Amino acid sequence: MSWLQQDASGAVLLWLRVQPGARRTEIAGLHGDALKVRLAAPPVDGKANACLVGYIAERLGVARGKVELVSGATSRRKRLRVSGVTIETVGSLAP
């Protein structure tokens, strides 16, 4: 999966394409080499980023502190690092 990779520390990196301001927060499938996530939060004052981190943490069953926004804070294209999970668990996010 091109949107998913494990780094040397064992954490899992996710490449995401985010659509803020959607009707509901959900995973919408693949968008090129990224996993597309629709967010109900608006792209204002970091609300969409906070929504994204919380949603991914909830879906994976980990604490919010285990999910870190690595790049793309002001972009639709984002990269997250998740620790404490296996790459197989994160891979199950894709429909």
Protein backbone atom coordinates (compact mmCIF):
# COMPACT_ATOMS: atom_id res chain seq x y z
CA MET A 1 0.00 0.00 0.00
CA SER A 2 1.58 3.24 -1.10
CA TRP A 3 -0.22 5.30 1.56
CA LEU A 4 1.19 3.25 4.40
CA GLN A 5 4.74 2.63 5.64
CA GLN A 6 6.51 1.56 8.81
CA ASP A 7 9.52 3.58 9.99
CA ALA A 8 12.65 2.34 11.76
CA SER A 9 11.17 2.98 15.22
CA GLY A 10 8.19 0.74 14.47
CA ALA A 11 5.70 3.59 14.14
CA VAL A 12 3.36 3.58 11.15
CA LEU A 13 3.28 6.49 8.68
CA LEU A 14 0.08 7.32 6.81
CA TRP A 15 -0.25 9.58 3.78
CA LEU A 16 -3.68 11.17 3.69
CA ARG A 17 -5.74 13.39 1.42
CA VAL A 18 -8.14 15.36 3.62
CA GLN A 19 -11.43 17.01 2.67
CA PRO A 20 -12.52 19.34 5.49
CA GLY A 21 -16.05 20.71 5.78
CA ALA A 22 -17.75 17.45 4.75
CA ARG A 23 -21.16 16.34 6.04
CA ARG A 24 -19.60 13.66 8.23
CA THR A 25 -16.19 12.36 9.19
CA GLU A 26 -15.38 9.16 7.32
CA ILE A 27 -12.79 7.33 5.27
CA ALA A 28 -13.67 7.73 1.61
CA GLY A 29 -11.25 5.27 0.03
CA LEU A 30 -8.03 5.79 -1.87
CA HIS A 31 -7.11 9.00 -3.70
CA GLY A 32 -4.03 8.31 -5.82
CA ASP A 33 -1.27 7.26 -3.41
CA ALA A 34 -3.10 8.51 -0.30
CA LEU A 35 -6.03 7.47 1.86
CA LYS A 36 -8.87 10.00 1.52
CA VAL A 37 -10.55 11.15 4.73
CA ARG A 38 -13.58 13.43 4.83
CA LEU A 39 -13.80 15.61 7.94
CA ALA A 40 -16.89 17.31 9.32
CA ALA A 41 -14.72 20.00 10.93
CA PRO A 42 -13.96 23.24 9.06
CA PRO A 43 -10.38 24.09 8.02
CA VAL A 44 -10.18 26.92 10.56
CA ASP A 45 -7.84 27.35 13.54
CA GLY A 46 -6.58 23.76 13.38
CA LYS A 47 -10.06 22.28 13.92
CA ALA A 48 -9.76 19.93 10.94
CA ASN A 49 -6.34 18.70 12.10
CA ALA A 50 -7.64 18.06 15.62
CA CYS A 51 -10.65 16.23 14.18
CA LEU A 52 -8.37 14.12 11.97
CA VAL A 53 -6.06 13.11 14.83
CA GLY A 54 -9.01 12.25 17.09
CA TYR A 55 -10.79 10.28 14.37
CA ILE A 56 -7.74 8.20 13.43
CA ALA A 57 -6.95 7.54 17.11
CA GLU A 58 -10.53 6.40 17.72
CA ARG A 59 -10.62 4.16 14.63
CA LEU A 60 -7.34 2.51 15.64
CA GLY A 61 -8.16 2.26 19.35
CA VAL A 62 -5.15 4.24 20.52
CA ALA A 63 -4.75 7.37 22.63
CA ARG A 64 -4.69 10.71 20.79
CA GLY A 65 -1.13 11.18 21.98
CA LYS A 66 -0.06 8.19 19.88
CA VAL A 67 -1.16 9.98 16.66
CA GLU A 68 1.09 12.81 15.48
CA LEU A 69 0.65 15.15 12.53
CA VAL A 70 4.10 15.05 10.91
CA SER A 71 3.51 17.27 7.88
CA GLY A 72 0.78 19.12 6.03
CA ALA A 73 -0.72 21.21 8.82
CA THR A 74 -2.11 23.73 6.31
CA SER A 75 -2.42 21.40 3.32
CA ARG A 76 -5.00 18.86 2.19
CA ARG A 77 -2.14 16.37 1.85
CA LYS A 78 -1.03 15.24 5.30
CA ARG A 79 1.26 12.69 6.87
CA LEU A 80 0.53 11.13 10.25
CA ARG A 81 2.73 8.98 12.48
CA VAL A 82 0.95 6.44 14.69
CA SER A 83 2.81 4.52 17.37
CA GLY A 84 1.63 1.52 19.33
CA VAL A 85 -0.12 -0.23 16.43
CA THR A 86 0.87 -2.69 13.73
CA ILE A 87 0.96 -1.84 10.06
CA GLU A 88 -1.74 -4.49 9.49
CA THR A 89 -4.09 -2.75 11.93
CA VAL A 90 -3.63 0.59 10.20
CA GLY A 91 -4.01 -1.07 6.80
CA SER A 92 -7.48 -2.21 7.82
CA LEU A 93 -8.64 1.44 7.67
CA ALA A 94 -8.84 1.31 3.88
CA PRO A 95 -12.17 0.09 2.51
